[in-house]
Amino acid sequence: MAVRRIVSNIRTDNPTALAAFYSEVFDLDIVMDMGWITTLAAPDSPATQLSLARHGGSDTELPALSIEVDDLSDILDRLESRGIQPEYGPTNEDWGVRRFYFRDPAGTLINVLTHIAP
């Protein structure tokens, strides 16, 4: 199993306006804009990302972090072996990811995802 990227998620009612701020101040590029979520990345380091969102998608709470992995089932097994069950999912989302949410021992909501073929 490999982690591909870890993205911090910031809640905002206006992702586009906040994205413009971060883009201008830190020279980040907008790499995804779905209206309810905008993701920025560093031009020379595309895995360095920040997402700004109104919610978590599919009527879910916004998680603090999104962790993209290459083997979602492996992470599910590791969590279940610790008695941790997903709060949401696993499910395939319309925007091309398979994901689930869980809470870490401190109560932080985490989104674990992998990209899937459309």
PDB file of N, CA and C in Angstrom:
ATOM      1  N   MET A   1       0.851  -1.167   0.000  1.00  0.00           N
ATOM      2  CA  MET A   1       0.000   0.000   0.000  1.00  0.00           C
ATOM      3  C   MET A   1       0.896   1.229   0.000  1.00  0.00           C
ATOM      4  N   ALA A   2       0.504   2.230  -0.794  1.00  0.00           N
ATOM      5  CA  ALA A   2       1.247   3.488  -0.850  1.00  0.00           C
ATOM      6  C   ALA A   2       0.282   4.657  -0.743  1.00  0.00           C
ATOM      7  N   VAL A   3       0.702   5.681  -0.001  1.00  0.00           N
ATOM      8  CA  VAL A   3      -0.037   6.941   0.049  1.00  0.00           C
ATOM      9  C   VAL A   3       0.415   7.764  -1.148  1.00  0.00           C
ATOM     10  N   ARG A   4      -0.533   8.245  -1.920  1.00  0.00           N
ATOM     11  CA  ARG A   4      -0.213   9.052  -3.107  1.00  0.00           C
ATOM     12  C   ARG A   4      -0.184  10.539  -2.792  1.00  0.00           C
ATOM     13  N   ARG A   5      -1.058  10.984  -1.870  1.00  0.00           N
ATOM     14  CA  ARG A   5      -1.072  12.387  -1.467  1.00  0.00           C
ATOM     15  C   ARG A   5      -1.952  12.538  -0.244  1.00  0.00           C
ATOM     16  N   ILE A   6      -1.712  13.595   0.497  1.00  0.00           N
ATOM     17  CA  ILE A   6      -2.540  13.965   1.635  1.00  0.00           C
ATOM     18  C   ILE A   6      -2.925  15.421   1.427  1.00  0.00           C
ATOM     19  N   VAL A   7      -4.219  15.698   1.456  1.00  0.00           N
ATOM     20  CA  VAL A   7      -4.738  17.027   1.172  1.00  0.00           C
ATOM     21  C   VAL A   7      -5.489  17.554   2.385  1.00  0.00           C
ATOM     22  N   SER A   8      -5.147  18.750   2.810  1.00  0.00           N
ATOM     23  CA  SER A   8      -5.891  19.415   3.869  1.00  0.00           C
ATOM     24  C   SER A   8      -7.141  20.044   3.265  1.00  0.00           C
ATOM     25  N   ASN A   9      -8.258  19.954   3.967  1.00  0.00           N
ATOM     26  CA  ASN A   9      -9.525  20.506   3.497  1.00  0.00           C
ATOM     27  C   ASN A   9      -9.954  21.642   4.420  1.00  0.00           C
ATOM     28  N   ILE A  10     -10.233  22.804   3.843  1.00  0.00           N
ATOM     29  CA  ILE A  10     -10.678  23.970   4.605  1.00  0.00           C
ATOM     30  C   ILE A  10     -12.122  24.274   4.235  1.00  0.00           C
ATOM     31  N   ARG A  11     -12.970  24.420   5.249  1.00  0.00           N
ATOM     32  CA  ARG A  11     -14.378  24.727   5.020  1.00  0.00           C
ATOM     33  C   ARG A  11     -14.549  26.206   4.717  1.00  0.00           C
ATOM     34  N   THR A  12     -15.344  26.487   3.683  1.00  0.00           N
ATOM     35  CA  THR A  12     -15.673  27.854   3.302  1.00  0.00           C
ATOM     36  C   THR A  12     -16.990  27.865   2.551  1.00  0.00           C
ATOM     37  N   ASP A  13     -17.739  28.954   2.676  1.00  0.00           N
ATOM     38  CA  ASP A  13     -18.979  29.093   1.919  1.00  0.00           C
ATOM     39  C   ASP A  13     -18.716  29.521   0.481  1.00  0.00           C
ATOM     40  N   ASN A  14     -17.494  30.004   0.191  1.00  0.00           N
ATOM     41  CA  ASN A  14     -17.164  30.463  -1.151  1.00  0.00           C
ATOM     42  C   ASN A  14     -15.801  29.909  -1.582  1.00  0.00           C
ATOM     43  N   PRO A  15     -15.759  28.644  -2.034  1.00  0.00           N
ATOM     44  CA  PRO A  15     -14.484  28.040  -2.429  1.00  0.00           C
ATOM     45  C   PRO A  15     -13.742  28.819  -3.514  1.00  0.00           C
ATOM     46  N   THR A  16     -14.474  29.383  -4.466  1.00  0.00           N
ATOM     47  CA  THR A  16     -13.828  30.101  -5.568  1.00  0.00           C
ATOM     48  C   THR A  16     -13.085  31.337  -5.076  1.00  0.00           C
ATOM     49  N   ALA A  17     -13.721  32.125  -4.219  1.00  0.00           N
ATOM     50  CA  ALA A  17     -13.082  33.336  -3.694  1.00  0.00           C
ATOM     51  C   ALA A  17     -11.877  32.988  -2.829  1.00  0.00           C
ATOM     52  N   LEU A  18     -12.009  31.978  -1.984  1.00  0.00           N
ATOM     53  CA  LEU A  18     -10.883  31.603  -1.130  1.00  0.00           C
ATOM     54  C   LEU A  18      -9.754  31.008  -1.965  1.00  0.00           C
ATOM     55  N   ALA A  19     -10.106  30.287  -3.023  1.00  0.00           N
ATOM     56  CA  ALA A  19      -9.084  29.746  -3.926  1.00  0.00           C
ATOM     57  C   ALA A  19      -8.300  30.868  -4.579  1.00  0.00           C
ATOM     58  N   ALA A  20      -8.975  31.931  -4.970  1.00  0.00           N
ATOM     59  CA  ALA A  20      -8.280  33.074  -5.573  1.00  0.00           C
ATOM     60  C   ALA A  20      -7.268  33.657  -4.594  1.00  0.00           C
ATOM     61  N   PHE A  21      -7.641  33.764  -3.320  1.00  0.00           N
ATOM     62  CA  PHE A  21      -6.722  34.266  -2.296  1.00  0.00           C
ATOM     63  C   PHE A  21      -5.474  33.395  -2.199  1.00  0.00           C
ATOM     64  N   TYR A  22      -5.654  32.084  -2.000  1.00  0.00           N
ATOM     65  CA  TYR A  22      -4.513  31.178  -1.853  1.00  0.00           C
ATOM     66  C   TYR A  22      -3.672  31.114  -3.133  1.00  0.00           C
ATOM     67  N   SER A  23      -4.331  31.196  -4.267  1.00  0.00           N
ATOM     68  CA  SER A  23      -3.624  31.174  -5.542  1.00  0.00           C
ATOM     69  C   SER A  23      -2.708  32.394  -5.684  1.00  0.00           C
ATOM     70  N   GLU A  24      -3.245  33.558  -5.353  1.00  0.00           N
ATOM     71  CA  GLU A  24      -2.475  34.798  -5.477  1.00  0.00           C
ATOM     72  C   GLU A  24      -1.349  34.888  -4.455  1.00  0.00           C
ATOM     73  N   VAL A  25      -1.624  34.505  -3.231  1.00  0.00           N
ATOM     74  CA  VAL A  25      -0.623  34.648  -2.168  1.00  0.00           C
ATOM     75  C   VAL A  25       0.489  33.608  -2.284  1.00  0.00           C
ATOM     76  N   PHE A  26       0.137  32.350  -2.642  1.00  0.00           N
ATOM     77  CA  PHE A  26       1.118  31.262  -2.639  1.00  0.00           C
ATOM     78  C   PHE A  26       1.467  30.734  -4.029  1.00  0.00           C
ATOM     79  N   ASP A  27       0.992  31.400  -5.090  1.00  0.00           N
ATOM     80  CA  ASP A  27       1.264  30.959  -6.466  1.00  0.00           C
ATOM     81  C   ASP A  27       0.830  29.519  -6.719  1.00  0.00           C
ATOM     82  N   LEU A  28      -0.333  29.165  -6.216  1.00  0.00           N
ATOM     83  CA  LEU A  28      -0.883  27.830  -6.437  1.00  0.00           C
ATOM     84  C   LEU A  28      -1.788  27.842  -7.663  1.00  0.00           C
ATOM     85  N   ASP A  29      -1.851  26.714  -8.346  1.00  0.00           N
ATOM     86  CA  ASP A  29      -2.712  26.560  -9.521  1.00  0.00           C
ATOM     87  C   ASP A  29      -4.012  25.868  -9.136  1.00  0.00           C
ATOM     88  N   ILE A  30      -5.116  26.308  -9.715  1.00  0.00           N
ATOM     89  CA  ILE A  30      -6.385  25.611  -9.529  1.00  0.00           C
ATOM     90  C   ILE A  30      -6.350  24.378 -10.416  1.00  0.00           C
ATOM     91  N   VAL A  31      -6.423  23.200  -9.801  1.00  0.00           N
ATOM     92  CA  VAL A  31      -6.349  21.944 -10.553  1.00  0.00           C
ATOM     93  C   VAL A  31      -7.698  21.237 -10.639  1.00  0.00           C
ATOM     94  N   MET A  32      -8.670  21.672  -9.828  1.00  0.00           N
ATOM     95  CA  MET A  32     -10.012  21.109  -9.881  1.00  0.00           C
ATOM     96  C   MET A  32     -10.975  22.137  -9.312  1.00  0.00           C
ATOM     97  N   ASP A  33     -12.100  22.334  -9.990  1.00  0.00           N
ATOM     98  CA  ASP A  33     -13.142  23.228  -9.482  1.00  0.00           C
ATOM     99  C   ASP A  33     -14.486  22.622  -9.835  1.00  0.00           C
ATOM    100  N   MET A  34     -15.169  22.110  -8.811  1.00  0.00           N
ATOM    101  CA  MET A  34     -16.478  21.482  -9.015  1.00  0.00           C
ATOM    102  C   MET A  34     -17.599  22.347  -8.438  1.00  0.00           C
ATOM    103  N   GLY A  35     -17.291  23.608  -8.152  1.00  0.00           N
ATOM    104  CA  GLY A  35     -18.289  24.501  -7.574  1.00  0.00           C
ATOM    105  C   GLY A  35     -18.326  24.421  -6.063  1.00  0.00           C
ATOM    106  N   TRP A  36     -18.606  23.265  -5.525  1.00  0.00           N
ATOM    107  CA  TRP A  36     -18.664  23.079  -4.072  1.00  0.00           C
ATOM    108  C   TRP A  36     -17.282  22.799  -3.474  1.00  0.00           C
ATOM    109  N   ILE A  37     -16.312  22.441  -4.325  1.00  0.00           N
ATOM    110  CA  ILE A  37     -14.938  22.200  -3.886  1.00  0.00           C
ATOM    111  C   ILE A  37     -13.982  22.692  -4.970  1.00  0.00           C
ATOM    112  N   THR A  38     -12.915  23.358  -4.531  1.00  0.00           N
ATOM    113  CA  THR A  38     -11.851  23.801  -5.420  1.00  0.00           C
ATOM    114  C   THR A  38     -10.541  23.303  -4.833  1.00  0.00           C
ATOM    115  N   THR A  39      -9.708  22.684  -5.659  1.00  0.00           N
ATOM    116  CA  THR A  39      -8.421  22.172  -5.198  1.00  0.00           C
ATOM    117  C   THR A  39      -7.302  22.927  -5.894  1.00  0.00           C
ATOM    118  N   LEU A  40      -6.319  23.319  -5.104  1.00  0.00           N
ATOM    119  CA  LEU A  40      -5.138  24.025  -5.577  1.00  0.00           C
ATOM    120  C   LEU A  40      -3.929  23.124  -5.439  1.00  0.00           C
ATOM    121  N   ALA A  41      -2.930  23.328  -6.309  1.00  0.00           N
ATOM    122  CA  ALA A  41      -1.689  22.547  -6.230  1.00  0.00           C
ATOM    123  C   ALA A  41      -0.505  23.443  -6.536  1.00  0.00           C
ATOM    124  N   ALA A  42       0.629  23.064  -5.977  1.00  0.00           N
ATOM    125  CA  ALA A  42       1.875  23.764  -6.273  1.00  0.00           C
ATOM    126  C   ALA A  42       2.322  23.378  -7.678  1.00  0.00           C
ATOM    127  N   PRO A  43       2.703  24.358  -8.513  1.00  0.00           N
ATOM    128  CA  PRO A  43       3.078  24.054  -9.896  1.00  0.00           C
ATOM    129  C   PRO A  43       4.218  23.042 -10.025  1.00  0.00           C
ATOM    130  N   ASP A  44       5.201  23.109  -9.157  1.00  0.00           N
ATOM    131  CA  ASP A  44       6.363  22.220  -9.244  1.00  0.00           C
ATOM    132  C   ASP A  44       6.229  20.960  -8.396  1.00  0.00           C
ATOM    133  N   SER A  45       5.124  20.856  -7.651  1.00  0.00           N
ATOM    134  CA  SER A  45       4.906  19.711  -6.773  1.00  0.00           C
ATOM    135  C   SER A  45       3.408  19.409  -6.737  1.00  0.00           C
ATOM    136  N   PRO A  46       2.892  18.746  -7.783  1.00  0.00           N
ATOM    137  CA  PRO A  46       1.440  18.561  -7.891  1.00  0.00           C
ATOM    138  C   PRO A  46       0.803  17.770  -6.752  1.00  0.00           C
ATOM    139  N   ALA A  47       1.572  17.037  -5.977  1.00  0.00           N
ATOM    140  CA  ALA A  47       1.005  16.309  -4.838  1.00  0.00           C
ATOM    141  C   ALA A  47       0.824  17.224  -3.628  1.00  0.00           C
ATOM    142  N   THR A  48       1.379  18.440  -3.683  1.00  0.00           N
ATOM    143  CA  THR A  48       1.181  19.430  -2.628  1.00  0.00           C
ATOM    144  C   THR A  48      -0.107  20.167  -2.943  1.00  0.00           C
ATOM    145  N   GLN A  49      -1.165  19.827  -2.203  1.00  0.00           N
ATOM    146  CA  GLN A  49      -2.488  20.341  -2.536  1.00  0.00           C
ATOM    147  C   GLN A  49      -3.236  20.854  -1.318  1.00  0.00           C
ATOM    148  N   LEU A  50      -4.222  21.697  -1.603  1.00  0.00           N
ATOM    149  CA  LEU A  50      -5.121  22.263  -0.610  1.00  0.00           C
ATOM    150  C   LEU A  50      -6.497  22.304  -1.235  1.00  0.00           C
ATOM    151  N   SER A  51      -7.513  21.801  -0.511  1.00  0.00           N
ATOM    152  CA  SER A  51      -8.892  21.864  -1.012  1.00  0.00           C
ATOM    153  C   SER A  51      -9.716  22.798  -0.145  1.00  0.00           C
ATOM    154  N   LEU A  52     -10.569  23.552  -0.803  1.00  0.00           N
ATOM    155  CA  LEU A  52     -11.464  24.512  -0.154  1.00  0.00           C
ATOM    156  C   LEU A  52     -12.876  24.098  -0.543  1.00  0.00           C
ATOM    157  N   ALA A  53     -13.737  23.861   0.446  1.00  0.00           N
ATOM    158  CA  ALA A  53     -15.033  23.262   0.119  1.00  0.00           C
ATOM    159  C   ALA A  53     -16.148  23.719   1.050  1.00  0.00           C
ATOM    160  N   ARG A  54     -17.369  23.679   0.501  1.00  0.00           N
ATOM    161  CA  ARG A  54     -18.563  23.978   1.302  1.00  0.00           C
ATOM    162  C   ARG A  54     -18.998  22.774   2.129  1.00  0.00           C
ATOM    163  N   HIS A  55     -18.707  21.565   1.633  1.00  0.00           N
ATOM    164  CA  HIS A  55     -19.095  20.322   2.321  1.00  0.00           C
ATOM    165  C   HIS A  55     -18.217  19.209   1.778  1.00  0.00           C
ATOM    166  N   GLY A  56     -18.452  17.991   2.195  1.00  0.00           N
ATOM    167  CA  GLY A  56     -17.628  16.861   1.780  1.00  0.00           C
ATOM    168  C   GLY A  56     -18.098  16.151   0.528  1.00  0.00           C
ATOM    169  N   GLY A  57     -19.163  16.631  -0.113  1.00  0.00           N
ATOM    170  CA  GLY A  57     -19.721  15.958  -1.282  1.00  0.00           C
ATOM    171  C   GLY A  57     -20.698  14.886  -0.861  1.00  0.00           C
ATOM    172  N   SER A  58     -21.685  14.616  -1.706  1.00  0.00           N
ATOM    173  CA  SER A  58     -22.711  13.600  -1.424  1.00  0.00           C
ATOM    174  C   SER A  58     -23.386  13.834  -0.076  1.00  0.00           C
ATOM    175  N   ASP A  59     -23.622  15.111   0.256  1.00  0.00           N
ATOM    176  CA  ASP A  59     -24.301  15.492   1.502  1.00  0.00           C
ATOM    177  C   ASP A  59     -23.572  14.996   2.751  1.00  0.00           C
ATOM    178  N   THR A  60     -22.242  15.060   2.741  1.00  0.00           N
ATOM    179  CA  THR A  60     -21.466  14.632   3.898  1.00  0.00           C
ATOM    180  C   THR A  60     -20.738  15.821   4.529  1.00  0.00           C
ATOM    181  N   GLU A  61     -20.350  15.614   5.770  1.00  0.00           N
ATOM    182  CA  GLU A  61     -19.529  16.580   6.497  1.00  0.00           C
ATOM    183  C   GLU A  61     -18.159  16.681   5.812  1.00  0.00           C
ATOM    184  N   LEU A  62     -17.544  17.852   5.880  1.00  0.00           N
ATOM    185  CA  LEU A  62     -16.215  18.029   5.293  1.00  0.00           C
ATOM    186  C   LEU A  62     -15.165  17.395   6.200  1.00  0.00           C
ATOM    187  N   PRO A  63     -14.412  16.416   5.696  1.00  0.00           N
ATOM    188  CA  PRO A  63     -13.344  15.824   6.498  1.00  0.00           C
ATOM    189  C   PRO A  63     -12.164  16.795   6.608  1.00  0.00           C
ATOM    190  N   ALA A  64     -11.367  16.630   7.652  1.00  0.00           N
ATOM    191  CA  ALA A  64     -10.192  17.486   7.854  1.00  0.00           C
ATOM    192  C   ALA A  64      -9.110  17.195   6.823  1.00  0.00           C
ATOM    193  N   LEU A  65      -8.954  15.915   6.492  1.00  0.00           N
ATOM    194  CA  LEU A  65      -7.928  15.486   5.544  1.00  0.00           C
ATOM    195  C   LEU A  65      -8.511  14.518   4.532  1.00  0.00           C
ATOM    196  N   SER A  66      -7.944  14.548   3.334  1.00  0.00           N
ATOM    197  CA  SER A  66      -8.222  13.525   2.324  1.00  0.00           C
ATOM    198  C   SER A  66      -6.906  12.827   2.037  1.00  0.00           C
ATOM    199  N   ILE A  67      -6.901  11.510   2.161  1.00  0.00           N
ATOM    200  CA  ILE A  67      -5.684  10.727   1.944  1.00  0.00           C
ATOM    201  C   ILE A  67      -5.944   9.786   0.775  1.00  0.00           C
ATOM    202  N   GLU A  68      -5.215  10.020  -0.324  1.00  0.00           N
ATOM    203  CA  GLU A  68      -5.337   9.153  -1.494  1.00  0.00           C
ATOM    204  C   GLU A  68      -4.350   8.001  -1.368  1.00  0.00           C
ATOM    205  N   VAL A  69      -4.859   6.785  -1.554  1.00  0.00           N
ATOM    206  CA  VAL A  69      -4.034   5.585  -1.444  1.00  0.00           C
ATOM    207  C   VAL A  69      -4.189   4.747  -2.713  1.00  0.00           C
ATOM    208  N   ASP A  70      -3.286   3.796  -2.886  1.00  0.00           N
ATOM    209  CA  ASP A  70      -3.378   2.923  -4.055  1.00  0.00           C
ATOM    210  C   ASP A  70      -4.162   1.645  -3.777  1.00  0.00           C
ATOM    211  N   ASP A  71      -4.489   1.369  -2.493  1.00  0.00           N
ATOM    212  CA  ASP A  71      -5.209   0.145  -2.145  1.00  0.00           C
ATOM    213  C   ASP A  71      -6.194   0.430  -1.011  1.00  0.00           C
ATOM    214  N   LEU A  72      -7.402   0.812  -1.373  1.00  0.00           N
ATOM    215  CA  LEU A  72      -8.426   1.165  -0.401  1.00  0.00           C
ATOM    216  C   LEU A  72      -8.798  -0.013   0.492  1.00  0.00           C
ATOM    217  N   SER A  73      -8.880  -1.207  -0.084  1.00  0.00           N
ATOM    218  CA  SER A  73      -9.259  -2.398   0.687  1.00  0.00           C
ATOM    219  C   SER A  73      -8.262  -2.687   1.801  1.00  0.00           C
ATOM    220  N   ASP A  74      -6.992  -2.466   1.533  1.00  0.00           N
ATOM    221  CA  ASP A  74      -5.962  -2.691   2.543  1.00  0.00           C
ATOM    222  C   ASP A  74      -6.168  -1.768   3.746  1.00  0.00           C
ATOM    223  N   ILE A  75      -6.494  -0.508   3.482  1.00  0.00           N
ATOM    224  CA  ILE A  75      -6.719   0.445   4.577  1.00  0.00           C
ATOM    225  C   ILE A  75      -7.969   0.052   5.365  1.00  0.00           C
ATOM    226  N   LEU A  76      -9.027  -0.342   4.659  1.00  0.00           N
ATOM    227  CA  LEU A  76     -10.234  -0.809   5.348  1.00  0.00           C
ATOM    228  C   LEU A  76      -9.914  -1.980   6.275  1.00  0.00           C
ATOM    229  N   ASP A  77      -9.140  -2.944   5.783  1.00  0.00           N
ATOM    230  CA  ASP A  77      -8.759  -4.103   6.595  1.00  0.00           C
ATOM    231  C   ASP A  77      -7.961  -3.677   7.822  1.00  0.00           C
ATOM    232  N   ARG A  78      -7.019  -2.755   7.634  1.00  0.00           N
ATOM    233  CA  ARG A  78      -6.191  -2.283   8.762  1.00  0.00           C
ATOM    234  C   ARG A  78      -7.047  -1.599   9.821  1.00  0.00           C
ATOM    235  N   LEU A  79      -8.007  -0.786   9.381  1.00  0.00           N
ATOM    236  CA  LEU A  79      -8.878  -0.102  10.335  1.00  0.00           C
ATOM    237  C   LEU A  79      -9.800  -1.091  11.038  1.00  0.00           C
ATOM    238  N   GLU A  80     -10.394  -2.000  10.270  1.00  0.00           N
ATOM    239  CA  GLU A  80     -11.306  -2.984  10.864  1.00  0.00           C
ATOM    240  C   GLU A  80     -10.595  -3.877  11.869  1.00  0.00           C
ATOM    241  N   SER A  81      -9.309  -4.167  11.635  1.00  0.00           N
ATOM    242  CA  SER A  81      -8.548  -4.972  12.599  1.00  0.00           C
ATOM    243  C   SER A  81      -8.352  -4.223  13.917  1.00  0.00           C
ATOM    244  N   ARG A  82      -8.538  -2.919  13.887  1.00  0.00           N
ATOM    245  CA  ARG A  82      -8.453  -2.089  15.094  1.00  0.00           C
ATOM    246  C   ARG A  82      -9.834  -1.753  15.652  1.00  0.00           C
ATOM    247  N   GLY A  83     -10.869  -2.358  15.059  1.00  0.00           N
ATOM    248  CA  GLY A  83     -12.230  -2.117  15.523  1.00  0.00           C
ATOM    249  C   GLY A  83     -12.822  -0.811  15.038  1.00  0.00           C
ATOM    250  N   ILE A  84     -12.243  -0.206  14.003  1.00  0.00           N
ATOM    251  CA  ILE A  84     -12.733   1.066  13.472  1.00  0.00           C
ATOM    252  C   ILE A  84     -13.536   0.792  12.201  1.00  0.00           C
ATOM    253  N   GLN A  85     -14.795   1.211  12.222  1.00  0.00           N
ATOM    254  CA  GLN A  85     -15.684   1.037  11.083  1.00  0.00           C
ATOM    255  C   GLN A  85     -15.851   2.366  10.351  1.00  0.00           C
ATOM    256  N   PRO A  86     -16.028   2.330   9.031  1.00  0.00           N
ATOM    257  CA  PRO A  86     -16.273   3.573   8.288  1.00  0.00           C
ATOM    258  C   PRO A  86     -17.558   4.252   8.747  1.00  0.00           C
ATOM    259  N   GLU A  87     -17.536   5.576   8.771  1.00  0.00           N
ATOM    260  CA  GLU A  87     -18.752   6.350   9.040  1.00  0.00           C
ATOM    261  C   GLU A  87     -19.529   6.598   7.765  1.00  0.00           C
ATOM    262  N   TYR A  88     -18.843   6.538   6.637  1.00  0.00           N
ATOM    263  CA  TYR A  88     -19.461   6.750   5.332  1.00  0.00           C
ATOM    264  C   TYR A  88     -18.725   5.859   4.339  1.00  0.00           C
ATOM    265  N   GLY A  89     -19.484   5.154   3.508  1.00  0.00           N
ATOM    266  CA  GLY A  89     -18.871   4.318   2.484  1.00  0.00           C
ATOM    267  C   GLY A  89     -18.389   2.993   3.043  1.00  0.00           C
ATOM    268  N   PRO A  90     -17.589   2.303   2.245  1.00  0.00           N
ATOM    269  CA  PRO A  90     -17.013   2.735   0.972  1.00  0.00           C
ATOM    270  C   PRO A  90     -18.063   2.825  -0.137  1.00  0.00           C
ATOM    271  N   THR A  91     -17.850   3.807  -1.003  1.00  0.00           N
ATOM    272  CA  THR A  91     -18.772   4.045  -2.104  1.00  0.00           C
ATOM    273  C   THR A  91     -18.036   4.653  -3.289  1.00  0.00           C
ATOM    274  N   ASN A  92     -18.561   4.396  -4.476  1.00  0.00           N
ATOM    275  CA  ASN A  92     -18.046   5.029  -5.690  1.00  0.00           C
ATOM    276  C   ASN A  92     -18.802   6.335  -5.898  1.00  0.00           C
ATOM    277  N   GLU A  93     -18.058   7.426  -6.053  1.00  0.00           N
ATOM    278  CA  GLU A  93     -18.671   8.735  -6.249  1.00  0.00           C
ATOM    279  C   GLU A  93     -18.711   9.078  -7.739  1.00  0.00           C
ATOM    280  N   ASP A  94     -19.657   9.934  -8.104  1.00  0.00           N
ATOM    281  CA  ASP A  94     -19.837  10.329  -9.500  1.00  0.00           C
ATOM    282  C   ASP A  94     -18.610  11.015 -10.094  1.00  0.00           C
ATOM    283  N   TRP A  95     -17.766  11.581  -9.252  1.00  0.00           N
ATOM    284  CA  TRP A  95     -16.602  12.318  -9.760  1.00  0.00           C
ATOM    285  C   TRP A  95     -15.348  11.446  -9.891  1.00  0.00           C
ATOM    286  N   GLY A  96     -15.528  10.126  -9.862  1.00  0.00           N
ATOM    287  CA  GLY A  96     -14.440   9.221 -10.213  1.00  0.00           C
ATOM    288  C   GLY A  96     -13.541   8.751  -9.097  1.00  0.00           C
ATOM    289  N   VAL A  97     -14.057   8.746  -7.864  1.00  0.00           N
ATOM    290  CA  VAL A  97     -13.274   8.194  -6.761  1.00  0.00           C
ATOM    291  C   VAL A  97     -14.097   7.149  -6.015  1.00  0.00           C
ATOM    292  N   ARG A  98     -13.415   6.216  -5.398  1.00  0.00           N
ATOM    293  CA  ARG A  98     -14.013   5.296  -4.430  1.00  0.00           C
ATOM    294  C   ARG A  98     -13.467   5.742  -3.099  1.00  0.00           C
ATOM    295  N   ARG A  99     -14.319   5.899  -2.095  1.00  0.00           N
ATOM    296  CA  ARG A  99     -13.856   6.472  -0.831  1.00  0.00           C
ATOM    297  C   ARG A  99     -14.688   6.007   0.351  1.00  0.00           C
ATOM    298  N   PHE A 100     -14.141   6.284   1.525  1.00  0.00           N
ATOM    299  CA  PHE A 100     -14.868   6.116   2.774  1.00  0.00           C
ATOM    300  C   PHE A 100     -14.332   7.119   3.776  1.00  0.00           C
ATOM    301  N   TYR A 101     -15.127   7.378   4.815  1.00  0.00           N
ATOM    302  CA  TYR A 101     -14.717   8.253   5.918  1.00  0.00           C
ATOM    303  C   TYR A 101     -14.580   7.402   7.173  1.00  0.00           C
ATOM    304  N   PHE A 102     -13.638   7.774   8.013  1.00  0.00           N
ATOM    305  CA  PHE A 102     -13.530   7.197   9.354  1.00  0.00           C
ATOM    306  C   PHE A 102     -13.042   8.281  10.299  1.00  0.00           C
ATOM    307  N   ARG A 103     -13.160   8.030  11.584  1.00  0.00           N
ATOM    308  CA  ARG A 103     -12.630   8.952  12.594  1.00  0.00           C
ATOM    309  C   ARG A 103     -11.405   8.319  13.231  1.00  0.00           C
ATOM    310  N   ASP A 104     -10.340   9.113  13.316  1.00  0.00           N
ATOM    311  CA  ASP A 104      -9.127   8.625  13.975  1.00  0.00           C
ATOM    312  C   ASP A 104      -9.354   8.609  15.487  1.00  0.00           C
ATOM    313  N   PRO A 105      -8.420   8.086  16.278  1.00  0.00           N
ATOM    314  CA  PRO A 105      -8.629   8.016  17.729  1.00  0.00           C
ATOM    315  C   PRO A 105      -8.870   9.373  18.407  1.00  0.00           C
ATOM    316  N   ALA A 106      -8.463  10.479  17.762  1.00  0.00           N
ATOM    317  CA  ALA A 106      -8.720  11.807  18.325  1.00  0.00           C
ATOM    318  C   ALA A 106     -10.070  12.370  17.886  1.00  0.00           C
ATOM    319  N   GLY A 107     -10.794  11.633  17.030  1.00  0.00           N
ATOM    320  CA  GLY A 107     -12.104  12.073  16.568  1.00  0.00           C
ATOM    321  C   GLY A 107     -12.086  12.864  15.271  1.00  0.00           C
ATOM    322  N   THR A 108     -10.934  12.973  14.631  1.00  0.00           N
ATOM    323  CA  THR A 108     -10.815  13.721  13.376  1.00  0.00           C
ATOM    324  C   THR A 108     -11.406  12.912  12.224  1.00  0.00           C
ATOM    325  N   LEU A 109     -12.267  13.548  11.438  1.00  0.00           N
ATOM    326  CA  LEU A 109     -12.880  12.881  10.293  1.00  0.00           C
ATOM    327  C   LEU A 109     -11.886  12.869   9.134  1.00  0.00           C
ATOM    328  N   ILE A 110     -11.616  11.670   8.612  1.00  0.00           N
ATOM    329  CA  ILE A 110     -10.639  11.467   7.540  1.00  0.00           C
ATOM    330  C   ILE A 110     -11.340  10.835   6.340  1.00  0.00           C
ATOM    331  N   ASN A 111     -11.049  11.346   5.150  1.00  0.00           N
ATOM    332  CA  ASN A 111     -11.547  10.817   3.880  1.00  0.00           C
ATOM    333  C   ASN A 111     -10.415  10.010   3.260  1.00  0.00           C
ATOM    334  N   VAL A 112     -10.637   8.722   2.993  1.00  0.00           N
ATOM    335  CA  VAL A 112      -9.647   7.883   2.326  1.00  0.00           C
ATOM    336  C   VAL A 112     -10.209   7.563   0.953  1.00  0.00           C
ATOM    337  N   LEU A 113      -9.400   7.763  -0.096  1.00  0.00           N
ATOM    338  CA  LEU A 113      -9.915   7.615  -1.445  1.00  0.00           C
ATOM    339  C   LEU A 113      -8.899   7.008  -2.390  1.00  0.00           C
ATOM    340  N   THR A 114      -9.405   6.500  -3.482  1.00  0.00           N
ATOM    341  CA  THR A 114      -8.596   6.072  -4.609  1.00  0.00           C
ATOM    342  C   THR A 114      -9.355   6.458  -5.874  1.00  0.00           C
ATOM    343  N   HIS A 115      -8.642   6.836  -6.910  1.00  0.00           N
ATOM    344  CA  HIS A 115      -9.284   7.161  -8.183  1.00  0.00           C
ATOM    345  C   HIS A 115      -9.674   5.872  -8.912  1.00  0.00           C
ATOM    346  N   ILE A 116     -10.830   5.909  -9.540  1.00  0.00           N
ATOM    347  CA  ILE A 116     -11.320   4.766 -10.304  1.00  0.00           C
ATOM    348  C   ILE A 116     -11.598   5.216 -11.743  1.00  0.00           C
ATOM    349  N   ALA A 117     -11.604   4.264 -12.639  1.00  0.00           N
ATOM    350  CA  ALA A 117     -11.923   4.575 -14.035  1.00  0.00           C
ATOM    351  C   ALA A 117     -13.391   4.954 -14.128  1.00  0.00           C
ATOM    352  N   PRO A 118     -13.713   5.988 -14.906  1.00  0.00           N
ATOM    353  CA  PRO A 118     -15.122   6.429 -15.017  1.00  0.00           C
ATOM    354  C   PRO A 118     -16.002   5.393 -15.694  1.00  0.00           C
TER     355      PRO A 118
END
